[in-house]
C-alpha cells in the first residue's frame, strides 16, 4: 500500500542563539530552498512580496516534518544545540510585512 503524503507551503519559525542565526539562515536559503520572503495577492489583486521576520522562513512544496528534519540536520551540522522550532502549513495568510523588496 502507498501512503499519500501531502505537500504544502510551510512557514518555519525558530529560536536559536543569535551568534548562529546568520550562518543558519544563509545555509537554509542558499542550499535547502527556504526563502526569507513570502508572496501573495494583495487587496488590489496584484502579486505582493514581503520580507519575513528574522527567525522565520518560507518553503514551498514540502511537508512540516520534512522542513523540521532539514532544519534539525543543518543545526546539527553547524553545531547548534539549543533550538526551538515549529513548522506550520501556510496557504492562507495575512500579514503586516515590509514590502517593496528590491
PDB file of N, CA and C in Angstrom:
ATOM      1  N   UNK A   1       0.838  -1.174   0.000  1.00  0.00           N
ATOM      2  CA  UNK A   1       0.000   0.000   0.000  1.00  0.00           C
ATOM      3  C   UNK A   1       0.890   1.247   0.000  1.00  0.00           C
ATOM      4  N   UNK A   2       0.521   2.231  -0.789  1.00  0.00           N
ATOM      5  CA  UNK A   2       1.240   3.500  -0.851  1.00  0.00           C
ATOM      6  C   UNK A   2       0.533   4.498   0.056  1.00  0.00           C
ATOM      7  N   UNK A   3       1.303   5.088   0.934  1.00  0.00           N
ATOM      8  CA  UNK A   3       0.760   6.097   1.842  1.00  0.00           C
ATOM      9  C   UNK A   3       0.968   7.471   1.210  1.00  0.00           C
ATOM     10  N   UNK A   4      -0.107   8.205   1.028  1.00  0.00           N
ATOM     11  CA  UNK A   4      -0.027   9.541   0.431  1.00  0.00           C
ATOM     12  C   UNK A   4       0.517  10.531   1.458  1.00  0.00           C
ATOM     13  N   UNK A   5       1.390  11.376   1.002  1.00  0.00           N
ATOM     14  CA  UNK A   5       1.909  12.438   1.851  1.00  0.00           C
ATOM     15  C   UNK A   5       1.656  13.749   1.127  1.00  0.00           C
ATOM     16  N   UNK A   6       0.894  14.611   1.748  1.00  0.00           N
ATOM     17  CA  UNK A   6       0.522  15.870   1.125  1.00  0.00           C
ATOM     18  C   UNK A   6       1.625  16.904   1.308  1.00  0.00           C
ATOM     19  N   UNK A   7       1.833  17.703   0.287  1.00  0.00           N
ATOM     20  CA  UNK A   7       2.837  18.754   0.364  1.00  0.00           C
ATOM     21  C   UNK A   7       2.146  20.112   0.398  1.00  0.00           C
ATOM     22  N   UNK A   8       2.776  21.042   1.073  1.00  0.00           N
ATOM     23  CA  UNK A   8       2.184  22.348   1.313  1.00  0.00           C
ATOM     24  C   UNK A   8       3.239  23.434   1.204  1.00  0.00           C
ATOM     25  N   UNK A   9       2.788  24.653   1.367  1.00  0.00           N
ATOM     26  CA  UNK A   9       3.673  25.780   1.637  1.00  0.00           C
ATOM     27  C   UNK A   9       3.833  25.836   3.149  1.00  0.00           C
ATOM     28  N   UNK A  10       5.065  25.980   3.603  1.00  0.00           N
ATOM     29  CA  UNK A  10       5.364  25.884   5.030  1.00  0.00           C
ATOM     30  C   UNK A  10       6.042  27.156   5.524  1.00  0.00           C
ATOM     31  N   UNK A  11       5.643  27.605   6.702  1.00  0.00           N
ATOM     32  CA  UNK A  11       6.385  28.628   7.434  1.00  0.00           C
ATOM     33  C   UNK A  11       7.124  27.934   8.568  1.00  0.00           C
ATOM     34  N   UNK A  12       8.406  28.180   8.651  1.00  0.00           N
ATOM     35  CA  UNK A  12       9.245  27.639   9.714  1.00  0.00           C
ATOM     36  C   UNK A  12       9.671  28.799  10.597  1.00  0.00           C
ATOM     37  N   UNK A  13       9.345  28.728  11.859  1.00  0.00           N
ATOM     38  CA  UNK A  13       9.744  29.759  12.811  1.00  0.00           C
ATOM     39  C   UNK A  13      10.617  29.103  13.863  1.00  0.00           C
ATOM     40  N   UNK A  14      11.698  29.780  14.226  1.00  0.00           N
ATOM     41  CA  UNK A  14      12.650  29.154  15.134  1.00  0.00           C
ATOM     42  C   UNK A  14      13.275  30.168  16.070  1.00  0.00           C
ATOM     43  N   UNK A  15      13.874  29.642  17.129  1.00  0.00           N
ATOM     44  CA  UNK A  15      14.583  30.445  18.114  1.00  0.00           C
ATOM     45  C   UNK A  15      15.888  29.724  18.419  1.00  0.00           C
ATOM     46  N   UNK A  16      17.005  30.370  18.095  1.00  0.00           N
ATOM     47  CA  UNK A  16      18.323  29.806  18.376  1.00  0.00           C
ATOM     48  C   UNK A  16      19.217  30.912  18.933  1.00  0.00           C
ATOM     49  N   UNK A  17      20.420  30.538  19.375  1.00  0.00           N
ATOM     50  CA  UNK A  17      21.391  31.528  19.815  1.00  0.00           C
ATOM     51  C   UNK A  17      21.683  32.481  18.665  1.00  0.00           C
ATOM     52  N   UNK A  18      21.677  33.773  18.943  1.00  0.00           N
ATOM     53  CA  UNK A  18      21.842  34.770  17.885  1.00  0.00           C
ATOM     54  C   UNK A  18      23.176  34.663  17.159  1.00  0.00           C
ATOM     55  N   UNK A  19      24.197  34.137  17.813  1.00  0.00           N
ATOM     56  CA  UNK A  19      25.502  34.025  17.166  1.00  0.00           C
ATOM     57  C   UNK A  19      25.484  33.066  15.979  1.00  0.00           C
ATOM     58  N   UNK A  20      24.518  32.162  15.923  1.00  0.00           N
ATOM     59  CA  UNK A  20      24.432  31.184  14.845  1.00  0.00           C
ATOM     60  C   UNK A  20      23.414  31.554  13.771  1.00  0.00           C
ATOM     61  N   UNK A  21      22.604  32.575  14.011  1.00  0.00           N
ATOM     62  CA  UNK A  21      21.461  32.850  13.142  1.00  0.00           C
ATOM     63  C   UNK A  21      21.855  33.120  11.694  1.00  0.00           C
ATOM     64  N   UNK A  22      22.848  33.937  11.463  1.00  0.00           N
ATOM     65  CA  UNK A  22      23.221  34.300  10.091  1.00  0.00           C
ATOM     66  C   UNK A  22      23.696  33.081   9.298  1.00  0.00           C
ATOM     67  N   UNK A  23      24.535  32.256   9.883  1.00  0.00           N
ATOM     68  CA  UNK A  23      25.028  31.057   9.193  1.00  0.00           C
ATOM     69  C   UNK A  23      23.891  30.087   8.897  1.00  0.00           C
ATOM     70  N   UNK A  24      22.993  29.932   9.850  1.00  0.00           N
ATOM     71  CA  UNK A  24      21.857  29.027   9.655  1.00  0.00           C
ATOM     72  C   UNK A  24      20.951  29.519   8.551  1.00  0.00           C
ATOM     73  N   UNK A  25      20.562  30.788   8.598  1.00  0.00           N
ATOM     74  CA  UNK A  25      19.686  31.349   7.559  1.00  0.00           C
ATOM     75  C   UNK A  25      20.322  31.239   6.184  1.00  0.00           C
ATOM     76  N   UNK A  26      21.582  31.583   6.094  1.00  0.00           N
ATOM     77  CA  UNK A  26      22.279  31.538   4.809  1.00  0.00           C
ATOM     78  C   UNK A  26      22.263  30.125   4.237  1.00  0.00           C
ATOM     79  N   UNK A  27      22.544  29.159   5.066  1.00  0.00           N
ATOM     80  CA  UNK A  27      22.581  27.758   4.608  1.00  0.00           C
ATOM     81  C   UNK A  27      21.190  27.273   4.199  1.00  0.00           C
ATOM     82  N   UNK A  28      20.176  27.581   5.001  1.00  0.00           N
ATOM     83  CA  UNK A  28      18.820  27.141   4.671  1.00  0.00           C
ATOM     84  C   UNK A  28      18.326  27.789   3.382  1.00  0.00           C
ATOM     85  N   UNK A  29      18.666  29.038   3.154  1.00  0.00           N
ATOM     86  CA  UNK A  29      18.228  29.744   1.946  1.00  0.00           C
ATOM     87  C   UNK A  29      19.031  29.292   0.730  1.00  0.00           C
ATOM     88  N   UNK A  30      20.345  29.287   0.844  1.00  0.00           N
ATOM     89  CA  UNK A  30      21.190  29.002  -0.317  1.00  0.00           C
ATOM     90  C   UNK A  30      21.253  27.527  -0.702  1.00  0.00           C
ATOM     91  N   UNK A  31      21.150  26.636   0.284  1.00  0.00           N
ATOM     92  CA  UNK A  31      21.339  25.216  -0.011  1.00  0.00           C
ATOM     93  C   UNK A  31      20.081  24.359   0.135  1.00  0.00           C
ATOM     94  N   UNK A  32      19.107  24.830   0.887  1.00  0.00           N
ATOM     95  CA  UNK A  32      17.955  23.971   1.188  1.00  0.00           C
ATOM     96  C   UNK A  32      16.637  24.486   0.620  1.00  0.00           C
ATOM     97  N   UNK A  33      16.650  25.589  -0.102  1.00  0.00           N
ATOM     98  CA  UNK A  33      15.450  26.058  -0.790  1.00  0.00           C
ATOM     99  C   UNK A  33      14.455  26.850   0.044  1.00  0.00           C
ATOM    100  N   UNK A  34      14.845  27.261   1.243  1.00  0.00           N
ATOM    101  CA  UNK A  34      13.982  28.126   2.032  1.00  0.00           C
ATOM    102  C   UNK A  34      14.083  29.548   1.499  1.00  0.00           C
ATOM    103  N   UNK A  35      13.098  30.382   1.827  1.00  0.00           N
ATOM    104  CA  UNK A  35      13.091  31.771   1.388  1.00  0.00           C
ATOM    105  C   UNK A  35      12.840  32.670   2.589  1.00  0.00           C
ATOM    106  N   UNK A  36      13.394  33.877   2.539  1.00  0.00           N
ATOM    107  CA  UNK A  36      13.138  34.833   3.619  1.00  0.00           C
ATOM    108  C   UNK A  36      12.075  35.850   3.217  1.00  0.00           C
ATOM    109  N   UNK A  37      11.375  35.556   2.130  1.00  0.00           N
ATOM    110  CA  UNK A  37      10.253  36.373   1.681  1.00  0.00           C
ATOM    111  C   UNK A  37       9.042  35.475   1.440  1.00  0.00           C
ATOM    112  N   UNK A  38       7.894  36.104   1.368  1.00  0.00           N
ATOM    113  CA  UNK A  38       6.657  35.380   1.078  1.00  0.00           C
ATOM    114  C   UNK A  38       5.881  36.181   0.052  1.00  0.00           C
ATOM    115  N   UNK A  39       5.195  35.486  -0.825  1.00  0.00           N
ATOM    116  CA  UNK A  39       4.410  36.138  -1.877  1.00  0.00           C
ATOM    117  C   UNK A  39       2.939  35.822  -1.690  1.00  0.00           C
ATOM    118  N   UNK A  40       2.123  36.767  -2.110  1.00  0.00           N
ATOM    119  CA  UNK A  40       0.683  36.585  -2.054  1.00  0.00           C
ATOM    120  C   UNK A  40       0.015  37.586  -2.975  1.00  0.00           C
ATOM    121  N   UNK A  41      -1.284  37.598  -2.935  1.00  0.00           N
ATOM    122  CA  UNK A  41      -2.077  38.530  -3.725  1.00  0.00           C
ATOM    123  C   UNK A  41      -2.642  39.582  -2.773  1.00  0.00           C
ATOM    124  N   UNK A  42      -2.415  40.862  -3.085  1.00  0.00           N
ATOM    125  CA  UNK A  42      -2.917  41.920  -2.210  1.00  0.00           C
ATOM    126  C   UNK A  42      -4.376  42.244  -2.528  1.00  0.00           C
ATOM    127  N   UNK A  43      -4.925  43.205  -1.808  1.00  0.00           N
ATOM    128  CA  UNK A  43      -6.343  43.556  -1.963  1.00  0.00           C
ATOM    129  C   UNK A  43      -6.680  44.069  -3.354  1.00  0.00           C
ATOM    130  N   UNK A  44      -5.693  44.594  -4.068  1.00  0.00           N
ATOM    131  CA  UNK A  44      -5.915  45.081  -5.426  1.00  0.00           C
ATOM    132  C   UNK A  44      -5.764  43.972  -6.476  1.00  0.00           C
ATOM    133  N   UNK A  45      -5.456  42.774  -6.025  1.00  0.00           N
ATOM    134  CA  UNK A  45      -5.302  41.644  -6.937  1.00  0.00           C
ATOM    135  C   UNK A  45      -3.927  41.530  -7.555  1.00  0.00           C
ATOM    136  N   UNK A  46      -2.969  42.282  -7.038  1.00  0.00           N
ATOM    137  CA  UNK A  46      -1.602  42.243  -7.539  1.00  0.00           C
ATOM    138  C   UNK A  46      -0.741  41.327  -6.683  1.00  0.00           C
ATOM    139  N   UNK A  47       0.297  40.772  -7.294  1.00  0.00           N
ATOM    140  CA  UNK A  47       1.250  39.967  -6.535  1.00  0.00           C
ATOM    141  C   UNK A  47       2.036  40.887  -5.613  1.00  0.00           C
ATOM    142  N   UNK A  48       2.108  40.523  -4.357  1.00  0.00           N
ATOM    143  CA  UNK A  48       2.870  41.280  -3.369  1.00  0.00           C
ATOM    144  C   UNK A  48       3.888  40.345  -2.730  1.00  0.00           C
ATOM    145  N   UNK A  49       5.072  40.857  -2.486  1.00  0.00           N
ATOM    146  CA  UNK A  49       6.117  40.087  -1.833  1.00  0.00           C
ATOM    147  C   UNK A  49       6.579  40.851  -0.614  1.00  0.00           C
ATOM    148  N   UNK A  50       6.771  40.144   0.478  1.00  0.00           N
ATOM    149  CA  UNK A  50       7.204  40.802   1.703  1.00  0.00           C
ATOM    150  C   UNK A  50       8.286  40.015   2.399  1.00  0.00           C
ATOM    151  N   UNK A  51       9.118  40.735   3.122  1.00  0.00           N
ATOM    152  CA  UNK A  51      10.203  40.140   3.887  1.00  0.00           C
ATOM    153  C   UNK A  51       9.650  39.562   5.189  1.00  0.00           C
ATOM    154  N   UNK A  52      10.081  38.351   5.509  1.00  0.00           N
ATOM    155  CA  UNK A  52       9.643  37.700   6.741  1.00  0.00           C
ATOM    156  C   UNK A  52      10.499  38.146   7.930  1.00  0.00           C
ATOM    157  N   UNK A  53       9.970  37.995   9.150  1.00  0.00           N
ATOM    158  CA  UNK A  53      10.771  38.295  10.339  1.00  0.00           C
ATOM    159  C   UNK A  53      12.063  37.474  10.354  1.00  0.00           C
ATOM    160  N   UNK A  54      13.038  37.946  11.064  1.00  0.00           N
ATOM    161  CA  UNK A  54      14.398  37.395  11.061  1.00  0.00           C
ATOM    162  C   UNK A  54      14.482  35.900  11.384  1.00  0.00           C
ATOM    163  N   UNK A  55      13.595  35.394  12.198  1.00  0.00           N
ATOM    164  CA  UNK A  55      13.674  33.980  12.581  1.00  0.00           C
ATOM    165  C   UNK A  55      12.533  33.158  11.977  1.00  0.00           C
ATOM    166  N   UNK A  56      12.083  33.559  10.800  1.00  0.00           N
ATOM    167  CA  UNK A  56      11.014  32.845  10.095  1.00  0.00           C
ATOM    168  C   UNK A  56      11.413  32.682   8.636  1.00  0.00           C
ATOM    169  N   UNK A  57      11.193  31.484   8.104  1.00  0.00           N
ATOM    170  CA  UNK A  57      11.480  31.203   6.703  1.00  0.00           C
ATOM    171  C   UNK A  57      10.291  30.504   6.056  1.00  0.00           C
ATOM    172  N   UNK A  58      10.222  30.594   4.751  1.00  0.00           N
ATOM    173  CA  UNK A  58       9.147  30.008   3.950  1.00  0.00           C
ATOM    174  C   UNK A  58       9.752  28.943   3.035  1.00  0.00           C
ATOM    175  N   UNK A  59       9.017  27.850   2.842  1.00  0.00           N
ATOM    176  CA  UNK A  59       9.443  26.819   1.893  1.00  0.00           C
ATOM    177  C   UNK A  59       8.188  26.273   1.227  1.00  0.00           C
ATOM    178  N   UNK A  60       8.217  26.223  -0.096  1.00  0.00           N
ATOM    179  CA  UNK A  60       7.052  25.724  -0.824  1.00  0.00           C
ATOM    180  C   UNK A  60       7.236  24.254  -1.181  1.00  0.00           C
ATOM    181  N   UNK A  61       6.127  23.605  -1.419  1.00  0.00           N
ATOM    182  CA  UNK A  61       6.082  22.233  -1.894  1.00  0.00           C
ATOM    183  C   UNK A  61       6.857  21.266  -0.988  1.00  0.00           C
ATOM    184  N   UNK A  62       6.502  21.263   0.277  1.00  0.00           N
ATOM    185  CA  UNK A  62       7.161  20.403   1.249  1.00  0.00           C
ATOM    186  C   UNK A  62       6.163  20.016   2.332  1.00  0.00           C
ATOM    187  N   UNK A  63       6.616  19.334   3.339  1.00  0.00           N
ATOM    188  CA  UNK A  63       5.774  18.975   4.481  1.00  0.00           C
ATOM    189  C   UNK A  63       6.358  19.610   5.743  1.00  0.00           C
ATOM    190  N   UNK A  64       5.543  19.672   6.768  1.00  0.00           N
ATOM    191  CA  UNK A  64       6.038  20.217   8.027  1.00  0.00           C
ATOM    192  C   UNK A  64       7.167  19.343   8.574  1.00  0.00           C
ATOM    193  N   UNK A  65       6.994  18.025   8.501  1.00  0.00           N
ATOM    194  CA  UNK A  65       8.031  17.116   9.005  1.00  0.00           C
ATOM    195  C   UNK A  65       9.328  17.248   8.226  1.00  0.00           C
ATOM    196  N   UNK A  66       9.242  17.316   6.899  1.00  0.00           N
ATOM    197  CA  UNK A  66      10.444  17.451   6.087  1.00  0.00           C
ATOM    198  C   UNK A  66      11.172  18.762   6.403  1.00  0.00           C
ATOM    199  N   UNK A  67      10.429  19.848   6.561  1.00  0.00           N
ATOM    200  CA  UNK A  67      11.040  21.136   6.894  1.00  0.00           C
ATOM    201  C   UNK A  67      11.788  21.063   8.223  1.00  0.00           C
ATOM    202  N   UNK A  68      11.165  20.447   9.216  1.00  0.00           N
ATOM    203  CA  UNK A  68      11.824  20.326  10.519  1.00  0.00           C
ATOM    204  C   UNK A  68      13.032  19.389  10.460  1.00  0.00           C
ATOM    205  N   UNK A  69      12.936  18.336   9.667  1.00  0.00           N
ATOM    206  CA  UNK A  69      14.080  17.428   9.515  1.00  0.00           C
ATOM    207  C   UNK A  69      15.260  18.145   8.879  1.00  0.00           C
ATOM    208  N   UNK A  70      15.006  18.925   7.830  1.00  0.00           N
ATOM    209  CA  UNK A  70      16.073  19.686   7.185  1.00  0.00           C
ATOM    210  C   UNK A  70      16.674  20.678   8.184  1.00  0.00           C
ATOM    211  N   UNK A  71      15.807  21.416   8.873  1.00  0.00           N
ATOM    212  CA  UNK A  71      16.252  22.397   9.862  1.00  0.00           C
ATOM    213  C   UNK A  71      17.128  21.737  10.920  1.00  0.00           C
ATOM    214  N   UNK A  72      16.668  20.624  11.464  1.00  0.00           N
ATOM    215  CA  UNK A  72      17.401  19.926  12.514  1.00  0.00           C
ATOM    216  C   UNK A  72      18.745  19.408  11.999  1.00  0.00           C
ATOM    217  N   UNK A  73      18.770  18.889  10.791  1.00  0.00           N
ATOM    218  CA  UNK A  73      20.008  18.387  10.200  1.00  0.00           C
ATOM    219  C   UNK A  73      21.033  19.512  10.036  1.00  0.00           C
ATOM    220  N   UNK A  74      20.598  20.640   9.517  1.00  0.00           N
ATOM    221  CA  UNK A  74      21.508  21.773   9.330  1.00  0.00           C
ATOM    222  C   UNK A  74      21.991  22.286  10.689  1.00  0.00           C
ATOM    223  N   UNK A  75      21.105  22.369  11.663  1.00  0.00           N
ATOM    224  CA  UNK A  75      21.520  22.785  13.014  1.00  0.00           C
ATOM    225  C   UNK A  75      22.583  21.845  13.560  1.00  0.00           C
ATOM    226  N   UNK A  76      22.373  20.537  13.400  1.00  0.00           N
ATOM    227  CA  UNK A  76      23.355  19.554  13.874  1.00  0.00           C
ATOM    228  C   UNK A  76      24.690  19.747  13.184  1.00  0.00           C
ATOM    229  N   UNK A  77      24.680  19.961  11.870  1.00  0.00           N
ATOM    230  CA  UNK A  77      25.918  20.138  11.114  1.00  0.00           C
ATOM    231  C   UNK A  77      26.651  21.412  11.507  1.00  0.00           C
ATOM    232  N   UNK A  78      25.913  22.436  11.917  1.00  0.00           N
ATOM    233  CA  UNK A  78      26.526  23.694  12.340  1.00  0.00           C
ATOM    234  C   UNK A  78      26.846  23.721  13.836  1.00  0.00           C
ATOM    235  N   UNK A  79      26.499  22.652  14.548  1.00  0.00           N
ATOM    236  CA  UNK A  79      26.779  22.575  15.979  1.00  0.00           C
ATOM    237  C   UNK A  79      25.842  23.390  16.836  1.00  0.00           C
ATOM    238  N   UNK A  80      24.637  23.654  16.332  1.00  0.00           N
ATOM    239  CA  UNK A  80      23.636  24.419  17.086  1.00  0.00           C
ATOM    240  C   UNK A  80      22.823  23.434  17.916  1.00  0.00           C
ATOM    241  N   UNK A  81      22.842  23.591  19.236  1.00  0.00           N
ATOM    242  CA  UNK A  81      22.193  22.603  20.101  1.00  0.00           C
ATOM    243  C   UNK A  81      20.932  23.109  20.801  1.00  0.00           C
ATOM    244  N   UNK A  82      20.867  24.365  21.147  1.00  0.00           N
ATOM    245  CA  UNK A  82      19.706  24.887  21.856  1.00  0.00           C
ATOM    246  C   UNK A  82      18.728  25.481  20.850  1.00  0.00           C
ATOM    247  N   UNK A  83      17.806  24.650  20.362  1.00  0.00           N
ATOM    248  CA  UNK A  83      16.881  25.115  19.335  1.00  0.00           C
ATOM    249  C   UNK A  83      15.435  24.900  19.751  1.00  0.00           C
ATOM    250  N   UNK A  84      14.606  25.792  19.270  1.00  0.00           N
ATOM    251  CA  UNK A  84      13.156  25.661  19.346  1.00  0.00           C
ATOM    252  C   UNK A  84      12.652  26.012  17.958  1.00  0.00           C
ATOM    253  N   UNK A  85      11.785  25.174  17.407  1.00  0.00           N
ATOM    254  CA  UNK A  85      11.296  25.438  16.056  1.00  0.00           C
ATOM    255  C   UNK A  85       9.904  24.857  15.882  1.00  0.00           C
ATOM    256  N   UNK A  86       9.150  25.476  14.984  1.00  0.00           N
ATOM    257  CA  UNK A  86       7.830  24.978  14.621  1.00  0.00           C
ATOM    258  C   UNK A  86       7.631  25.216  13.126  1.00  0.00           C
ATOM    259  N   UNK A  87       7.031  24.252  12.466  1.00  0.00           N
ATOM    260  CA  UNK A  87       6.701  24.382  11.050  1.00  0.00           C
ATOM    261  C   UNK A  87       5.190  24.234  10.918  1.00  0.00           C
ATOM    262  N   UNK A  88       4.572  25.151  10.190  1.00  0.00           N
ATOM    263  CA  UNK A  88       3.123  25.132  10.024  1.00  0.00           C
ATOM    264  C   UNK A  88       2.759  25.310   8.554  1.00  0.00           C
ATOM    265  N   UNK A  89       1.648  24.702   8.189  1.00  0.00           N
ATOM    266  CA  UNK A  89       1.125  24.876   6.831  1.00  0.00           C
ATOM    267  C   UNK A  89       0.729  26.336   6.640  1.00  0.00           C
ATOM    268  N   UNK A  90       1.064  26.891   5.496  1.00  0.00           N
ATOM    269  CA  UNK A  90       0.819  28.313   5.249  1.00  0.00           C
ATOM    270  C   UNK A  90       0.241  28.504   3.853  1.00  0.00           C
ATOM    271  N   UNK A  91      -1.061  28.406   3.739  1.00  0.00           N
ATOM    272  CA  UNK A  91      -1.699  28.597   2.443  1.00  0.00           C
ATOM    273  C   UNK A  91      -2.662  29.776   2.421  1.00  0.00           C
ATOM    274  N   UNK A  92      -3.022  30.259   3.569  1.00  0.00           N
ATOM    275  CA  UNK A  92      -3.943  31.379   3.668  1.00  0.00           C
ATOM    276  C   UNK A  92      -3.419  32.287   4.767  1.00  0.00           C
ATOM    277  N   UNK A  93      -2.850  33.422   4.384  1.00  0.00           N
ATOM    278  CA  UNK A  93      -2.203  34.254   5.381  1.00  0.00           C
ATOM    279  C   UNK A  93      -2.506  35.725   5.165  1.00  0.00           C
ATOM    280  N   UNK A  94      -2.386  36.457   6.242  1.00  0.00           N
ATOM    281  CA  UNK A  94      -2.437  37.910   6.230  1.00  0.00           C
ATOM    282  C   UNK A  94      -1.248  38.374   7.039  1.00  0.00           C
ATOM    283  N   UNK A  95      -0.724  39.553   6.720  1.00  0.00           N
ATOM    284  CA  UNK A  95       0.426  39.996   7.490  1.00  0.00           C
ATOM    285  C   UNK A  95       0.714  41.465   7.332  1.00  0.00           C
ATOM    286  N   UNK A  96       1.420  41.970   8.303  1.00  0.00           N
ATOM    287  CA  UNK A  96       1.978  43.314   8.244  1.00  0.00           C
ATOM    288  C   UNK A  96       3.456  43.103   8.011  1.00  0.00           C
ATOM    289  N   UNK A  97       3.840  43.191   6.752  1.00  0.00           N
ATOM    290  CA  UNK A  97       5.211  42.874   6.387  1.00  0.00           C
ATOM    291  C   UNK A  97       5.809  43.988   5.550  1.00  0.00           C
ATOM    292  N   UNK A  98       7.110  44.074   5.596  1.00  0.00           N
ATOM    293  CA  UNK A  98       7.840  45.058   4.819  1.00  0.00           C
ATOM    294  C   UNK A  98       7.677  44.712   3.332  1.00  0.00           C
ATOM    295  N   UNK A  99       7.293  45.687   2.537  1.00  0.00           N
ATOM    296  CA  UNK A  99       7.130  45.451   1.114  1.00  0.00           C
ATOM    297  C   UNK A  99       8.121  46.292   0.338  1.00  0.00           C
ATOM    298  N   UNK A 100       8.085  46.195  -0.948  1.00  0.00           N
ATOM    299  CA  UNK A 100       8.987  46.971  -1.765  1.00  0.00           C
ATOM    300  C   UNK A 100      10.390  46.407  -1.794  1.00  0.00           C
ATOM    301  N   UNK A 101      10.495  45.099  -1.725  1.00  0.00           N
ATOM    302  CA  UNK A 101      11.802  44.443  -1.745  1.00  0.00           C
ATOM    303  C   UNK A 101      12.420  44.622  -3.130  1.00  0.00           C
ATOM    304  N   UNK A 102      13.696  44.951  -3.137  1.00  0.00           N
ATOM    305  CA  UNK A 102      14.401  45.156  -4.411  1.00  0.00           C
ATOM    306  C   UNK A 102      15.132  43.901  -4.818  1.00  0.00           C
TER     307      UNK A 102
END
